[in-house]
Amino acid sequence: MNTSLSHVPERTTKPRNSGLTMVMDKGLSLRQAEDLISSDAHRVDLLKFGFGTSLITSGIKEKVKLYQDAGIDVYCGGTLFEAFFIRRSLDDYLRYIDDLGLSCIEVSDGSMVIEEDEKCEIIHKLSKSYKVLSEVGSKEAGILISPSKWTSMMSKELEAGSWKVIAEARESGNVGIYRPNGSAHTALIRKILAKVDLDDILWEAPKKPQQVWFIQQFGANVNLGNIGPWDVIPLEALRLGLRGDTFFEYLPESMSEGLRQEPDNDDE
C-alpha cells in the first residue's frame, strides 16, 4: 500500500501458500504482458495460458520468460493437456511443456472423461518433476457431481501429489461450483470444506460477485483463480476492503455502527 490505513487485513506475501491470485492470459501481446508485470507482478502468483491458447499465441516463449523472470509461475490450461491426452500424445505434451521451460502443469478432465485412478497415477508421476495443479469438476453445465465425489476426487488428487486442486467454474463462471446464474453453490462448497482444507483449493472466480462472496466467507487470503489480467488491482482492493462490496468487512462495529447505507424502502 502507498500509505498506512488501520483495520486493513494482513495479506500474505510471495512466495505464499494462501491468498493466491491466478490470472488467465487468453492471448495477451508481449507489450500487454509487460504492462501486467509492471503493475501487478507482486500480486500475481500463477499465470495460466487459457485453454489451448499457448499453441496459437505469438511470442509464447518470450512471454513465458517475461512472467517467470517476474517471479510468476506459468502453466498451460488443462484443456490443452486433455487435447494431447485424448490423442494419446502425452509424451509430446511433456516435450512441449519442457520446450517452453515450464515447471508447473495442470491435469484436468473437464472436457472429457479420465478415470480417477488413471488421473491420480498421472498426477503422481508428474509431481516428481513438476508443480501439479489438478482440476475437479466438469465444464458441461448439465453434468452434476455429488459433494461426496467432489471431496473424494480432491482428497485423492492431493494425496497423489497435487500442490493445489482447482474447483472448476470455467471462464464463464456458471458451471461447477456455481449455478447457471453465476451464484455460488453454497451447500456444495461447505461440504467440500468439511473434508478438504481451504488452503489446498484454488477457487475459480472470474466474476466480481463471486470474488466478493469468497472474500466475505473466507477472508482476504482465500485462493482465487481465472482472474482477468486487468482485474488484479480491483480484486486486491476487494481483498483489503477498499471497494464498496467489502467496505465494512474488517471494520469494528464501533466504527461502522449507524453508518452502513440501507436500501430505501419508501414507496412514496
C-alpha atoms as a PDB file:
ATOM      1  CA  MET A   1       0.000   0.000   0.000  1.00  0.00           C
ATOM      2  CA  ASN A   2       1.113   3.546  -0.724  1.00  0.00           C
ATOM      3  CA  THR A   3       0.269   4.736   2.797  1.00  0.00           C
ATOM      4  CA  SER A   4      -0.861   3.211   6.077  1.00  0.00           C
ATOM      5  CA  LEU A   5      -4.516   2.608   6.914  1.00  0.00           C
ATOM      6  CA  SER A   6      -5.940   0.945  10.000  1.00  0.00           C
ATOM      7  CA  HIS A   7      -8.264  -2.070  10.000  1.00  0.00           C
ATOM      8  CA  VAL A   8      -6.943  -3.490   6.751  1.00  0.00           C
ATOM      9  CA  PRO A   9      -6.355  -7.264   6.737  1.00  0.00           C
ATOM     10  CA  GLU A  10      -2.802  -8.550   6.577  1.00  0.00           C
ATOM     11  CA  ARG A  11      -2.114 -10.090   3.207  1.00  0.00           C
ATOM     12  CA  THR A  12       0.249 -12.980   2.683  1.00  0.00           C
ATOM     13  CA  THR A  13       3.292 -12.225   0.543  1.00  0.00           C
ATOM     14  CA  LYS A  14       5.038 -14.154  -2.209  1.00  0.00           C
ATOM     15  CA  PRO A  15       6.021 -16.932  -2.240  1.00  0.00           C
ATOM     16  CA  ARG A  16       2.819 -17.911  -0.470  1.00  0.00           C
ATOM     17  CA  ASN A  17       0.599 -20.899   0.080  1.00  0.00           C
ATOM     18  CA  SER A  18      -2.647 -18.983   0.657  1.00  0.00           C
ATOM     19  CA  GLY A  19      -4.059 -15.770  -0.723  1.00  0.00           C
ATOM     20  CA  LEU A  20      -3.067 -16.850  -4.227  1.00  0.00           C
ATOM     21  CA  THR A  21      -4.204 -14.958  -7.306  1.00  0.00           C
ATOM     22  CA  MET A  22      -4.201 -16.871 -10.571  1.00  0.00           C
ATOM     23  CA  VAL A  23      -4.574 -14.782 -13.724  1.00  0.00           C
ATOM     24  CA  MET A  24      -5.778 -16.112 -17.071  1.00  0.00           C
ATOM     25  CA  ASP A  25      -3.911 -14.949 -20.163  1.00  0.00           C
ATOM     26  CA  LYS A  26      -6.056 -15.672 -23.224  1.00  0.00           C
ATOM     27  CA  GLY A  27      -3.649 -14.172 -25.742  1.00  0.00           C
ATOM     28  CA  LEU A  28      -2.092 -11.004 -24.383  1.00  0.00           C
ATOM     29  CA  SER A  29       0.550  -9.383 -26.548  1.00  0.00           C
ATOM     30  CA  LEU A  30       4.112  -9.108 -25.269  1.00  0.00           C
ATOM     31  CA  ARG A  31       3.526  -5.434 -24.529  1.00  0.00           C
ATOM     32  CA  GLN A  32       0.341  -6.215 -22.600  1.00  0.00           C
ATOM     33  CA  ALA A  33       2.213  -8.891 -20.653  1.00  0.00           C
ATOM     34  CA  GLU A  34       4.894  -6.323 -19.830  1.00  0.00           C
ATOM     35  CA  ASP A  35       2.193  -3.899 -18.636  1.00  0.00           C
ATOM     36  CA  LEU A  36       0.676  -6.585 -16.405  1.00  0.00           C
ATOM     37  CA  ILE A  37       4.075  -7.367 -14.914  1.00  0.00           C
ATOM     38  CA  SER A  38       4.884  -3.689 -14.399  1.00  0.00           C
ATOM     39  CA  SER A  39       1.765  -3.057 -12.325  1.00  0.00           C
ATOM     40  CA  ASP A  40       0.991  -6.407 -10.721  1.00  0.00           C
ATOM     41  CA  ALA A  41       3.879  -8.897 -10.699  1.00  0.00           C
ATOM     42  CA  HIS A  42       3.950  -8.890  -6.887  1.00  0.00           C
ATOM     43  CA  ARG A  43       0.216  -9.642  -6.754  1.00  0.00           C
ATOM     44  CA  VAL A  44       0.087 -12.441  -9.339  1.00  0.00           C
ATOM     45  CA  ASP A  45       1.186 -15.886  -8.165  1.00  0.00           C
ATOM     46  CA  LEU A  46       0.092 -18.007 -11.113  1.00  0.00           C
ATOM     47  CA  LEU A  47      -0.379 -17.210 -14.789  1.00  0.00           C
ATOM     48  CA  LYS A  48      -2.424 -19.637 -16.867  1.00  0.00           C
ATOM     49  CA  PHE A  49      -2.440 -19.596 -20.646  1.00  0.00           C
ATOM     50  CA  GLY A  50      -6.166 -20.209 -21.032  1.00  0.00           C
ATOM     51  CA  PHE A  51      -7.403 -23.475 -22.574  1.00  0.00           C
ATOM     52  CA  GLY A  52      -5.289 -24.190 -25.700  1.00  0.00           C
ATOM     53  CA  THR A  53      -4.191 -20.634 -26.499  1.00  0.00           C
ATOM     54  CA  SER A  54      -0.486 -21.269 -25.942  1.00  0.00           C
ATOM     55  CA  LEU A  55      -0.359 -23.284 -29.182  1.00  0.00           C
ATOM     56  CA  ILE A  56      -1.504 -20.322 -31.273  1.00  0.00           C
ATOM     57  CA  THR A  57      -0.115 -17.337 -29.343  1.00  0.00           C
ATOM     58  CA  SER A  58       2.751 -15.443 -30.975  1.00  0.00           C
ATOM     59  CA  GLY A  59       5.913 -14.994 -28.926  1.00  0.00           C
ATOM     60  CA  ILE A  60       4.866 -17.605 -26.387  1.00  0.00           C
ATOM     61  CA  LYS A  61       8.421 -18.400 -25.241  1.00  0.00           C
ATOM     62  CA  GLU A  62       9.187 -14.724 -24.768  1.00  0.00           C
ATOM     63  CA  LYS A  63       6.032 -14.345 -22.697  1.00  0.00           C
ATOM     64  CA  VAL A  64       6.926 -17.326 -20.530  1.00  0.00           C
ATOM     65  CA  LYS A  65      10.339 -15.818 -19.825  1.00  0.00           C
ATOM     66  CA  LEU A  66       8.831 -12.415 -19.012  1.00  0.00           C
ATOM     67  CA  TYR A  67       6.447 -13.915 -16.467  1.00  0.00           C
ATOM     68  CA  GLN A  68       8.992 -16.251 -14.931  1.00  0.00           C
ATOM     69  CA  ASP A  69      11.614 -13.517 -14.600  1.00  0.00           C
ATOM     70  CA  ALA A  70       8.953 -11.550 -12.700  1.00  0.00           C
ATOM     71  CA  GLY A  71       8.524 -14.405 -10.219  1.00  0.00           C
ATOM     72  CA  ILE A  72       5.238 -15.736 -11.599  1.00  0.00           C
ATOM     73  CA  ASP A  73       4.570 -19.466 -12.016  1.00  0.00           C
ATOM     74  CA  VAL A  74       3.319 -20.145 -15.547  1.00  0.00           C
ATOM     75  CA  TYR A  75       1.316 -23.091 -16.835  1.00  0.00           C
ATOM     76  CA  CYS A  76      -0.950 -24.103 -19.705  1.00  0.00           C
ATOM     77  CA  GLY A  77      -4.681 -24.572 -19.240  1.00  0.00           C
ATOM     78  CA  GLY A  78      -5.945 -28.071 -18.561  1.00  0.00           C
ATOM     79  CA  THR A  79      -7.854 -28.208 -21.840  1.00  0.00           C
ATOM     80  CA  LEU A  80      -4.525 -28.377 -23.677  1.00  0.00           C
ATOM     81  CA  PHE A  81      -3.457 -31.306 -21.508  1.00  0.00           C
ATOM     82  CA  GLU A  82      -6.739 -33.039 -22.422  1.00  0.00           C
ATOM     83  CA  ALA A  83      -6.265 -32.282 -26.130  1.00  0.00           C
ATOM     84  CA  PHE A  84      -2.950 -34.157 -26.097  1.00  0.00           C
ATOM     85  CA  PHE A  85      -4.200 -36.879 -23.747  1.00  0.00           C
ATOM     86  CA  ILE A  86      -7.216 -37.819 -25.883  1.00  0.00           C
ATOM     87  CA  ARG A  87      -4.863 -38.158 -28.863  1.00  0.00           C
ATOM     88  CA  ARG A  88      -2.614 -40.468 -26.809  1.00  0.00           C
ATOM     89  CA  SER A  89       0.189 -37.921 -27.145  1.00  0.00           C
ATOM     90  CA  LEU A  90       1.048 -37.208 -23.510  1.00  0.00           C
ATOM     91  CA  ASP A  91       4.781 -37.611 -24.191  1.00  0.00           C
ATOM     92  CA  ASP A  92       4.504 -34.948 -26.915  1.00  0.00           C
ATOM     93  CA  TYR A  93       2.725 -32.687 -24.441  1.00  0.00           C
ATOM     94  CA  LEU A  94       5.503 -33.043 -21.898  1.00  0.00           C
ATOM     95  CA  ARG A  95       8.095 -32.287 -24.580  1.00  0.00           C
ATOM     96  CA  TYR A  96       6.108 -29.148 -25.419  1.00  0.00           C
ATOM     97  CA  ILE A  97       5.953 -28.119 -21.743  1.00  0.00           C
ATOM     98  CA  ASP A  98       9.678 -28.704 -21.335  1.00  0.00           C
ATOM     99  CA  ASP A  99      10.428 -26.776 -24.523  1.00  0.00           C
ATOM    100  CA  LEU A 100       8.540 -23.798 -23.080  1.00  0.00           C
ATOM    101  CA  GLY A 101      10.568 -24.141 -19.894  1.00  0.00           C
ATOM    102  CA  LEU A 102       7.539 -24.609 -17.627  1.00  0.00           C
ATOM    103  CA  SER A 103       7.859 -26.155 -14.192  1.00  0.00           C
ATOM    104  CA  CYS A 104       4.129 -26.026 -13.447  1.00  0.00           C
ATOM    105  CA  ILE A 105       1.495 -28.206 -15.104  1.00  0.00           C
ATOM    106  CA  GLU A 106      -2.281 -28.689 -14.924  1.00  0.00           C
ATOM    107  CA  VAL A 107      -4.014 -32.060 -15.076  1.00  0.00           C
ATOM    108  CA  SER A 108      -7.746 -31.905 -15.735  1.00  0.00           C
ATOM    109  CA  ASP A 109     -10.668 -33.836 -17.158  1.00  0.00           C
ATOM    110  CA  GLY A 110     -13.248 -31.092 -17.551  1.00  0.00           C
ATOM    111  CA  SER A 111     -13.940 -31.701 -21.246  1.00  0.00           C
ATOM    112  CA  MET A 112     -13.566 -35.475 -21.333  1.00  0.00           C
ATOM    113  CA  VAL A 113     -13.646 -38.475 -19.011  1.00  0.00           C
ATOM    114  CA  ILE A 114     -10.465 -39.759 -17.392  1.00  0.00           C
ATOM    115  CA  GLU A 115     -10.899 -42.487 -14.817  1.00  0.00           C
ATOM    116  CA  GLU A 116      -9.954 -41.126 -11.411  1.00  0.00           C
ATOM    117  CA  ASP A 117      -7.390 -43.833 -10.700  1.00  0.00           C
ATOM    118  CA  GLU A 118      -5.649 -43.113 -14.009  1.00  0.00           C
ATOM    119  CA  LYS A 119      -5.779 -39.371 -13.355  1.00  0.00           C
ATOM    120  CA  CYS A 120      -4.168 -39.880  -9.942  1.00  0.00           C
ATOM    121  CA  GLU A 121      -1.456 -42.059 -11.483  1.00  0.00           C
ATOM    122  CA  ILE A 122      -0.651 -39.264 -13.932  1.00  0.00           C
ATOM    123  CA  ILE A 123      -0.587 -36.707 -11.102  1.00  0.00           C
ATOM    124  CA  HIS A 124       1.702 -38.917  -9.036  1.00  0.00           C
ATOM    125  CA  LYS A 125       4.093 -39.403 -11.945  1.00  0.00           C
ATOM    126  CA  LEU A 126       4.168 -35.746 -12.973  1.00  0.00           C
ATOM    127  CA  SER A 127       4.514 -34.451  -9.405  1.00  0.00           C
ATOM    128  CA  LYS A 128       8.033 -35.890  -9.344  1.00  0.00           C
ATOM    129  CA  SER A 129       9.126 -33.359 -11.981  1.00  0.00           C
ATOM    130  CA  TYR A 130       6.550 -30.552 -11.927  1.00  0.00           C
ATOM    131  CA  LYS A 131       4.391 -28.490  -9.589  1.00  0.00           C
ATOM    132  CA  VAL A 132       0.987 -30.048 -10.361  1.00  0.00           C
ATOM    133  CA  LEU A 133      -2.384 -28.370 -10.181  1.00  0.00           C
ATOM    134  CA  SER A 134      -5.305 -30.695 -10.808  1.00  0.00           C
ATOM    135  CA  GLU A 135      -8.790 -29.546 -11.679  1.00  0.00           C
ATOM    136  CA  VAL A 136     -12.009 -31.107 -10.406  1.00  0.00           C
ATOM    137  CA  GLY A 137     -15.412 -30.507 -11.990  1.00  0.00           C
ATOM    138  CA  SER A 138     -16.951 -30.641 -15.449  1.00  0.00           C
ATOM    139  CA  LYS A 139     -17.078 -27.805 -17.962  1.00  0.00           C
ATOM    140  CA  GLU A 140     -20.514 -29.006 -19.108  1.00  0.00           C
ATOM    141  CA  ALA A 141     -23.457 -27.228 -17.478  1.00  0.00           C
ATOM    142  CA  GLY A 142     -25.664 -30.316 -17.454  1.00  0.00           C
ATOM    143  CA  ILE A 143     -23.212 -32.575 -15.602  1.00  0.00           C
ATOM    144  CA  LEU A 144     -23.671 -32.569 -11.825  1.00  0.00           C
ATOM    145  CA  ILE A 145     -21.164 -34.125  -9.444  1.00  0.00           C
ATOM    146  CA  SER A 146     -22.221 -35.094  -5.932  1.00  0.00           C
ATOM    147  CA  PRO A 147     -20.485 -33.359  -3.000  1.00  0.00           C
ATOM    148  CA  SER A 148     -19.085 -36.706  -1.831  1.00  0.00           C
ATOM    149  CA  LYS A 149     -17.499 -37.258  -5.254  1.00  0.00           C
ATOM    150  CA  TRP A 150     -16.041 -33.721  -5.259  1.00  0.00           C
ATOM    151  CA  THR A 151     -14.393 -34.286  -1.887  1.00  0.00           C
ATOM    152  CA  SER A 152     -13.241 -37.790  -2.779  1.00  0.00           C
ATOM    153  CA  MET A 153     -11.584 -36.641  -6.007  1.00  0.00           C
ATOM    154  CA  MET A 154      -9.976 -33.618  -4.402  1.00  0.00           C
ATOM    155  CA  SER A 155      -8.617 -35.648  -1.493  1.00  0.00           C
ATOM    156  CA  LYS A 156      -7.250 -38.393  -3.752  1.00  0.00           C
ATOM    157  CA  GLU A 157      -5.575 -35.910  -6.106  1.00  0.00           C
ATOM    158  CA  LEU A 158      -3.931 -34.023  -3.251  1.00  0.00           C
ATOM    159  CA  GLU A 159      -2.711 -37.322  -1.849  1.00  0.00           C
ATOM    160  CA  ALA A 160      -1.401 -38.276  -5.313  1.00  0.00           C
ATOM    161  CA  GLY A 161       0.783 -35.175  -5.397  1.00  0.00           C
ATOM    162  CA  SER A 162      -1.252 -32.153  -6.483  1.00  0.00           C
ATOM    163  CA  TRP A 163       0.015 -28.902  -4.979  1.00  0.00           C
ATOM    164  CA  LYS A 164      -3.478 -27.388  -5.260  1.00  0.00           C
ATOM    165  CA  VAL A 165      -6.806 -28.652  -6.555  1.00  0.00           C
ATOM    166  CA  ILE A 166      -8.740 -26.248  -8.756  1.00  0.00           C
ATOM    167  CA  ALA A 167     -12.511 -26.012  -8.317  1.00  0.00           C
ATOM    168  CA  GLU A 168     -13.925 -25.758 -11.840  1.00  0.00           C
ATOM    169  CA  ALA A 169     -16.009 -22.779 -12.939  1.00  0.00           C
ATOM    170  CA  ARG A 170     -14.750 -22.073 -16.475  1.00  0.00           C
ATOM    171  CA  GLU A 171     -14.067 -18.510 -17.568  1.00  0.00           C
ATOM    172  CA  SER A 172     -17.852 -18.066 -17.795  1.00  0.00           C
ATOM    173  CA  GLY A 173     -18.321 -18.715 -14.062  1.00  0.00           C
ATOM    174  CA  ASN A 174     -21.585 -20.625 -14.455  1.00  0.00           C
ATOM    175  CA  VAL A 175     -20.679 -24.304 -14.032  1.00  0.00           C
ATOM    176  CA  GLY A 176     -19.017 -26.472 -11.398  1.00  0.00           C
ATOM    177  CA  ILE A 177     -19.111 -24.645  -8.069  1.00  0.00           C
ATOM    178  CA  TYR A 178     -21.581 -22.094  -9.462  1.00  0.00           C
ATOM    179  CA  ARG A 179     -25.190 -22.219 -10.548  1.00  0.00           C
ATOM    180  CA  PRO A 180     -26.161 -21.241 -14.126  1.00  0.00           C
ATOM    181  CA  ASN A 181     -26.858 -17.683 -12.912  1.00  0.00           C
ATOM    182  CA  GLY A 182     -23.323 -17.406 -11.509  1.00  0.00           C
ATOM    183  CA  SER A 183     -24.223 -17.617  -7.812  1.00  0.00           C
ATOM    184  CA  ALA A 184     -22.205 -19.930  -5.590  1.00  0.00           C
ATOM    185  CA  HIS A 185     -23.326 -23.490  -4.828  1.00  0.00           C
ATOM    186  CA  THR A 186     -23.132 -22.678  -1.136  1.00  0.00           C
ATOM    187  CA  ALA A 187     -24.064 -26.112   0.203  1.00  0.00           C
ATOM    188  CA  LEU A 188     -21.605 -27.835  -2.145  1.00  0.00           C
ATOM    189  CA  ILE A 189     -18.756 -25.524  -1.149  1.00  0.00           C
ATOM    190  CA  ARG A 190     -19.469 -26.009   2.555  1.00  0.00           C
ATOM    191  CA  LYS A 191     -19.483 -29.792   2.135  1.00  0.00           C
ATOM    192  CA  ILE A 192     -16.201 -29.652   0.232  1.00  0.00           C
ATOM    193  CA  LEU A 193     -14.599 -27.625   3.028  1.00  0.00           C
ATOM    194  CA  ALA A 194     -15.791 -30.094   5.633  1.00  0.00           C
ATOM    195  CA  LYS A 195     -13.359 -32.588   4.065  1.00  0.00           C
ATOM    196  CA  VAL A 196     -10.700 -30.555   2.230  1.00  0.00           C
ATOM    197  CA  ASP A 197      -8.536 -27.780   3.688  1.00  0.00           C
ATOM    198  CA  LEU A 198      -9.339 -24.288   2.390  1.00  0.00           C
ATOM    199  CA  ASP A 199      -5.705 -23.512   1.552  1.00  0.00           C
ATOM    200  CA  ASP A 200      -5.474 -26.615  -0.674  1.00  0.00           C
ATOM    201  CA  ILE A 201      -8.154 -25.311  -3.045  1.00  0.00           C
ATOM    202  CA  LEU A 202      -7.889 -22.708  -5.800  1.00  0.00           C
ATOM    203  CA  TRP A 203     -11.421 -21.428  -6.459  1.00  0.00           C
ATOM    204  CA  GLU A 204     -12.094 -20.215  -9.978  1.00  0.00           C
ATOM    205  CA  ALA A 205     -13.923 -16.903  -9.582  1.00  0.00           C
ATOM    206  CA  PRO A 206     -13.929 -14.891 -12.808  1.00  0.00           C
ATOM    207  CA  LYS A 207     -16.812 -12.586 -11.838  1.00  0.00           C
ATOM    208  CA  LYS A 208     -16.701  -9.829  -9.232  1.00  0.00           C
ATOM    209  CA  PRO A 209     -19.774 -11.048  -7.255  1.00  0.00           C
ATOM    210  CA  GLN A 210     -18.077 -14.466  -6.960  1.00  0.00           C
ATOM    211  CA  GLN A 211     -14.858 -12.887  -5.698  1.00  0.00           C
ATOM    212  CA  VAL A 212     -16.856 -10.833  -3.195  1.00  0.00           C
ATOM    213  CA  TRP A 213     -18.669 -13.926  -1.943  1.00  0.00           C
ATOM    214  CA  PHE A 214     -15.481 -15.894  -1.319  1.00  0.00           C
ATOM    215  CA  ILE A 215     -13.769 -12.966   0.400  1.00  0.00           C
ATOM    216  CA  GLN A 216     -16.777 -12.344   2.625  1.00  0.00           C
ATOM    217  CA  GLN A 217     -16.986 -16.023   3.514  1.00  0.00           C
ATOM    218  CA  PHE A 218     -13.301 -16.917   3.913  1.00  0.00           C
ATOM    219  CA  GLY A 219     -11.330 -13.701   4.219  1.00  0.00           C
ATOM    220  CA  ALA A 220      -8.730 -11.740   2.310  1.00  0.00           C
ATOM    221  CA  ASN A 221      -6.361 -14.676   1.831  1.00  0.00           C
ATOM    222  CA  VAL A 222      -8.620 -17.094   0.015  1.00  0.00           C
ATOM    223  CA  ASN A 223      -7.109 -18.570  -3.184  1.00  0.00           C
ATOM    224  CA  LEU A 224      -8.853 -17.229  -6.303  1.00  0.00           C
ATOM    225  CA  GLY A 225      -8.324 -18.000  -9.977  1.00  0.00           C
ATOM    226  CA  ASN A 226      -9.401 -17.213 -13.538  1.00  0.00           C
ATOM    227  CA  ILE A 227      -8.917 -13.536 -12.760  1.00  0.00           C
ATOM    228  CA  GLY A 228      -8.741 -11.223 -15.754  1.00  0.00           C
ATOM    229  CA  PRO A 229      -5.369  -9.502 -16.288  1.00  0.00           C
ATOM    230  CA  TRP A 230      -6.903  -6.067 -15.734  1.00  0.00           C
ATOM    231  CA  ASP A 231      -8.878  -7.182 -12.670  1.00  0.00           C
ATOM    232  CA  VAL A 232      -5.875  -7.853 -10.428  1.00  0.00           C
ATOM    233  CA  ILE A 233      -5.843  -4.476  -8.679  1.00  0.00           C
ATOM    234  CA  PRO A 234      -9.668  -4.365  -8.406  1.00  0.00           C
ATOM    235  CA  LEU A 235      -9.529  -7.836  -6.796  1.00  0.00           C
ATOM    236  CA  GLU A 236      -6.813  -6.724  -4.382  1.00  0.00           C
ATOM    237  CA  ALA A 237      -8.989  -3.749  -3.413  1.00  0.00           C
ATOM    238  CA  LEU A 238     -11.809  -6.212  -2.654  1.00  0.00           C
ATOM    239  CA  ARG A 239      -9.468  -8.337  -0.551  1.00  0.00           C
ATOM    240  CA  LEU A 240      -8.461  -5.270   1.502  1.00  0.00           C
ATOM    241  CA  GLY A 241     -11.912  -3.770   1.987  1.00  0.00           C
ATOM    242  CA  LEU A 242     -11.172  -0.876  -0.346  1.00  0.00           C
ATOM    243  CA  ARG A 243     -14.288  -1.271  -2.512  1.00  0.00           C
ATOM    244  CA  GLY A 244     -17.901  -0.781  -1.571  1.00  0.00           C
ATOM    245  CA  ASP A 245     -18.670  -4.512  -1.791  1.00  0.00           C
ATOM    246  CA  THR A 246     -16.290  -5.366   1.083  1.00  0.00           C
ATOM    247  CA  PHE A 247     -16.034  -1.919   2.686  1.00  0.00           C
ATOM    248  CA  PHE A 248     -17.322  -2.991   6.133  1.00  0.00           C
ATOM    249  CA  GLU A 249     -15.734  -6.451   6.246  1.00  0.00           C
ATOM    250  CA  TYR A 250     -12.822  -5.533   8.520  1.00  0.00           C
ATOM    251  CA  LEU A 251     -14.157  -2.518  10.398  1.00  0.00           C
ATOM    252  CA  PRO A 252     -15.092  -2.930  14.083  1.00  0.00           C
ATOM    253  CA  GLU A 253     -18.761  -2.478  14.955  1.00  0.00           C
ATOM    254  CA  SER A 254     -17.917   0.633  16.971  1.00  0.00           C
ATOM    255  CA  MET A 255     -16.603   2.281  13.830  1.00  0.00           C
ATOM    256  CA  SER A 256     -19.336   1.194  11.430  1.00  0.00           C
ATOM    257  CA  GLU A 257     -22.416   1.346  13.671  1.00  0.00           C
ATOM    258  CA  GLY A 258     -25.095   3.514  12.130  1.00  0.00           C
ATOM    259  CA  LEU A 259     -23.016   4.300   9.066  1.00  0.00           C
ATOM    260  CA  ARG A 260     -23.985   1.453   6.756  1.00  0.00           C
ATOM    261  CA  GLN A 261     -26.116   2.565   3.872  1.00  0.00           C
ATOM    262  CA  GLU A 262     -29.505   0.872   3.867  1.00  0.00           C
ATOM    263  CA  PRO A 263     -31.826   0.465   0.852  1.00  0.00           C
ATOM    264  CA  ASP A 264     -34.647   2.952   0.688  1.00  0.00           C
ATOM    265  CA  ASN A 265     -37.910   1.015   1.029  1.00  0.00           C
ATOM    266  CA  ASP A 266     -40.112   4.096   0.934  1.00  0.00           C
ATOM    267  CA  ASP A 267     -42.590   3.629  -1.911  1.00  0.00           C
ATOM    268  CA  GLU A 268     -43.717   7.251  -1.819  1.00  0.00           C
END
